[in-house]
Amino acid sequence: MGVTHIVLFQFKPDASAEVIKDVCDRMLALKDNCIHPTSGKLYVKSSTGGTDNSIEGIQNGITHAFIVEFESAEDRDYYVRKDPAHLSFVSSIGKVVEKAQVVDFTAGVFS
């Protein structure tokens, strides 16, 4: 079953617009940079994201959201734990991201 991986960022107050755009562009580019070691093929099913525009006022500092979809939990696990492109990206954002939150789910599974 597929897995939806939701990533939320709050950037540090001193992060410039250019730096934020660079991080967001690189986050979305992971779809085209993550290659599965077994198949040698791109394995991120889809990736999208943008700047928060909710009117509810309960973002708790979160300013950017991304949705990354995988065909399987195994693909998601490889992405999170081993993919060099993803791990390099994660290690590169620590100086500009104040808070990151991640929630994963499989559609229709509630237990």
C-alpha atoms as a PDB file:
ATOM      1  CA  MET A   1       0.000   0.000   0.000  1.00  0.00           C
ATOM      2  CA  GLY A   2       1.137   3.535  -0.713  1.00  0.00           C
ATOM      3  CA  VAL A   3       2.421   5.921   1.926  1.00  0.00           C
ATOM      4  CA  THR A   4       1.852   9.668   2.057  1.00  0.00           C
ATOM      5  CA  HIS A   5       4.700  11.534   3.775  1.00  0.00           C
ATOM      6  CA  ILE A   6       3.807  15.039   4.997  1.00  0.00           C
ATOM      7  CA  VAL A   7       6.674  17.376   5.900  1.00  0.00           C
ATOM      8  CA  LEU A   8       6.111  20.730   7.611  1.00  0.00           C
ATOM      9  CA  PHE A   9       8.748  23.429   8.140  1.00  0.00           C
ATOM     10  CA  GLN A  10       9.054  26.513  10.285  1.00  0.00           C
ATOM     11  CA  PHE A  11      12.033  28.561   9.152  1.00  0.00           C
ATOM     12  CA  LYS A  12      14.226  30.534  11.526  1.00  0.00           C
ATOM     13  CA  PRO A  13      13.308  34.240  11.708  1.00  0.00           C
ATOM     14  CA  ASP A  14      16.596  35.305  10.130  1.00  0.00           C
ATOM     15  CA  ALA A  15      16.268  32.975   7.113  1.00  0.00           C
ATOM     16  CA  SER A  16      16.183  35.080   3.956  1.00  0.00           C
ATOM     17  CA  ALA A  17      13.560  34.652   1.249  1.00  0.00           C
ATOM     18  CA  GLU A  18      16.303  33.400  -1.089  1.00  0.00           C
ATOM     19  CA  VAL A  19      17.436  30.719   1.367  1.00  0.00           C
ATOM     20  CA  ILE A  20      13.849  29.606   2.013  1.00  0.00           C
ATOM     21  CA  LYS A  21      13.188  29.338  -1.723  1.00  0.00           C
ATOM     22  CA  ASP A  22      16.392  27.321  -2.157  1.00  0.00           C
ATOM     23  CA  VAL A  23      15.388  24.864   0.580  1.00  0.00           C
ATOM     24  CA  CYS A  24      11.899  24.496  -0.898  1.00  0.00           C
ATOM     25  CA  ASP A  25      13.254  23.996  -4.422  1.00  0.00           C
ATOM     26  CA  ARG A  26      15.700  21.362  -3.186  1.00  0.00           C
ATOM     27  CA  MET A  27      12.962  19.609  -1.191  1.00  0.00           C
ATOM     28  CA  LEU A  28      10.824  19.311  -4.318  1.00  0.00           C
ATOM     29  CA  ALA A  29      13.848  18.284  -6.420  1.00  0.00           C
ATOM     30  CA  LEU A  30      14.310  15.178  -4.285  1.00  0.00           C
ATOM     31  CA  LYS A  31      11.672  13.515  -6.476  1.00  0.00           C
ATOM     32  CA  ASP A  32      14.110  13.720  -9.384  1.00  0.00           C
ATOM     33  CA  ASN A  33      17.246  12.968  -7.357  1.00  0.00           C
ATOM     34  CA  CYS A  34      16.307   9.918  -5.298  1.00  0.00           C
ATOM     35  CA  ILE A  35      17.252   6.689  -7.047  1.00  0.00           C
ATOM     36  CA  HIS A  36      16.416   3.301  -5.598  1.00  0.00           C
ATOM     37  CA  PRO A  37      19.542   1.137  -5.184  1.00  0.00           C
ATOM     38  CA  THR A  38      17.861  -2.072  -6.349  1.00  0.00           C
ATOM     39  CA  SER A  39      15.981  -0.871  -9.420  1.00  0.00           C
ATOM     40  CA  GLY A  40      18.260   2.060 -10.287  1.00  0.00           C
ATOM     41  CA  LYS A  41      15.107   4.082 -10.970  1.00  0.00           C
ATOM     42  CA  LEU A  42      13.455   7.120  -9.471  1.00  0.00           C
ATOM     43  CA  TYR A  43      11.026   5.914  -6.811  1.00  0.00           C
ATOM     44  CA  VAL A  44       9.305   8.969  -5.331  1.00  0.00           C
ATOM     45  CA  LYS A  45       5.813   8.726  -6.810  1.00  0.00           C
ATOM     46  CA  SER A  46       4.962  12.424  -6.434  1.00  0.00           C
ATOM     47  CA  SER A  47       6.040  15.526  -4.568  1.00  0.00           C
ATOM     48  CA  THR A  48       4.327  18.857  -4.090  1.00  0.00           C
ATOM     49  CA  GLY A  49       4.419  21.703  -1.618  1.00  0.00           C
ATOM     50  CA  GLY A  50       3.949  25.357  -0.920  1.00  0.00           C
ATOM     51  CA  THR A  51       3.662  28.206   1.536  1.00  0.00           C
ATOM     52  CA  ASP A  52       0.947  28.071   4.179  1.00  0.00           C
ATOM     53  CA  ASN A  53      -2.143  30.115   3.409  1.00  0.00           C
ATOM     54  CA  SER A  54      -4.565  28.776   6.015  1.00  0.00           C
ATOM     55  CA  ILE A  55      -7.020  31.228   7.541  1.00  0.00           C
ATOM     56  CA  GLU A  56      -7.496  29.114  10.687  1.00  0.00           C
ATOM     57  CA  GLY A  57      -4.560  30.565  12.616  1.00  0.00           C
ATOM     58  CA  ILE A  58      -3.457  27.284  14.191  1.00  0.00           C
ATOM     59  CA  GLN A  59      -0.236  26.728  12.250  1.00  0.00           C
ATOM     60  CA  ASN A  60       1.932  27.073  15.369  1.00  0.00           C
ATOM     61  CA  GLY A  61       4.737  28.650  13.369  1.00  0.00           C
ATOM     62  CA  ILE A  62       4.650  26.241  10.433  1.00  0.00           C
ATOM     63  CA  THR A  63       5.065  28.179   7.189  1.00  0.00           C
ATOM     64  CA  HIS A  64       5.689  25.551   4.479  1.00  0.00           C
ATOM     65  CA  ALA A  65       4.178  22.137   3.752  1.00  0.00           C
ATOM     66  CA  PHE A  66       5.185  19.303   1.442  1.00  0.00           C
ATOM     67  CA  ILE A  67       3.510  16.048   0.459  1.00  0.00           C
ATOM     68  CA  VAL A  68       5.674  13.212  -0.834  1.00  0.00           C
ATOM     69  CA  GLU A  69       4.036   9.983  -2.001  1.00  0.00           C
ATOM     70  CA  PHE A  70       5.604   6.534  -2.145  1.00  0.00           C
ATOM     71  CA  GLU A  71       4.334   3.278  -3.643  1.00  0.00           C
ATOM     72  CA  SER A  72       5.223   1.360  -0.477  1.00  0.00           C
ATOM     73  CA  ALA A  73       6.350   1.649   3.121  1.00  0.00           C
ATOM     74  CA  GLU A  74       9.629   0.044   2.036  1.00  0.00           C
ATOM     75  CA  ASP A  75      10.278   2.898  -0.412  1.00  0.00           C
ATOM     76  CA  ARG A  76       9.448   5.456   2.280  1.00  0.00           C
ATOM     77  CA  ASP A  77      11.731   3.679   4.750  1.00  0.00           C
ATOM     78  CA  TYR A  78      14.628   3.704   2.289  1.00  0.00           C
ATOM     79  CA  TYR A  79      14.047   7.407   1.588  1.00  0.00           C
ATOM     80  CA  VAL A  80      14.022   8.343   5.278  1.00  0.00           C
ATOM     81  CA  ARG A  81      16.808   6.082   6.517  1.00  0.00           C
ATOM     82  CA  LYS A  82      19.235   5.483   3.659  1.00  0.00           C
ATOM     83  CA  ASP A  83      18.759   7.564   0.523  1.00  0.00           C
ATOM     84  CA  PRO A  84      21.932   9.660   0.186  1.00  0.00           C
ATOM     85  CA  ALA A  85      20.154  12.512  -1.618  1.00  0.00           C
ATOM     86  CA  HIS A  86      17.515  12.785   1.111  1.00  0.00           C
ATOM     87  CA  LEU A  87      19.999  12.429   3.968  1.00  0.00           C
ATOM     88  CA  SER A  88      22.228  15.110   2.435  1.00  0.00           C
ATOM     89  CA  PHE A  89      19.242  17.439   2.114  1.00  0.00           C
ATOM     90  CA  VAL A  90      18.204  16.861   5.740  1.00  0.00           C
ATOM     91  CA  SER A  91      21.709  17.559   7.018  1.00  0.00           C
ATOM     92  CA  SER A  92      21.887  20.773   4.971  1.00  0.00           C
ATOM     93  CA  ILE A  93      18.811  22.524   6.411  1.00  0.00           C
ATOM     94  CA  GLY A  94      19.571  22.531  10.130  1.00  0.00           C
ATOM     95  CA  LYS A  95      20.867  26.091  10.167  1.00  0.00           C
ATOM     96  CA  VAL A  96      17.726  27.578   8.594  1.00  0.00           C
ATOM     97  CA  VAL A  97      14.852  25.350   9.737  1.00  0.00           C
ATOM     98  CA  GLU A  98      13.592  26.126  13.234  1.00  0.00           C
ATOM     99  CA  LYS A  99      11.152  23.225  13.403  1.00  0.00           C
ATOM    100  CA  ALA A 100      10.287  20.292  11.182  1.00  0.00           C
ATOM    101  CA  GLN A 101       7.334  17.971  11.644  1.00  0.00           C
ATOM    102  CA  VAL A 102       6.626  14.791   9.723  1.00  0.00           C
ATOM    103  CA  VAL A 103       3.443  12.737   9.588  1.00  0.00           C
ATOM    104  CA  ASP A 104       3.066   9.655   7.399  1.00  0.00           C
ATOM    105  CA  PHE A 105      -0.098   7.717   6.650  1.00  0.00           C
ATOM    106  CA  THR A 106      -1.589   5.068   4.445  1.00  0.00           C
ATOM    107  CA  ALA A 107      -4.935   6.164   3.018  1.00  0.00           C
ATOM    108  CA  GLY A 108      -7.889   4.501   4.693  1.00  0.00           C
ATOM    109  CA  VAL A 109      -5.872   2.904   7.506  1.00  0.00           C
ATOM    110  CA  PHE A 110      -7.030   4.152  10.909  1.00  0.00           C
ATOM    111  CA  SER A 111      -5.578   1.616  13.323  1.00  0.00           C
END
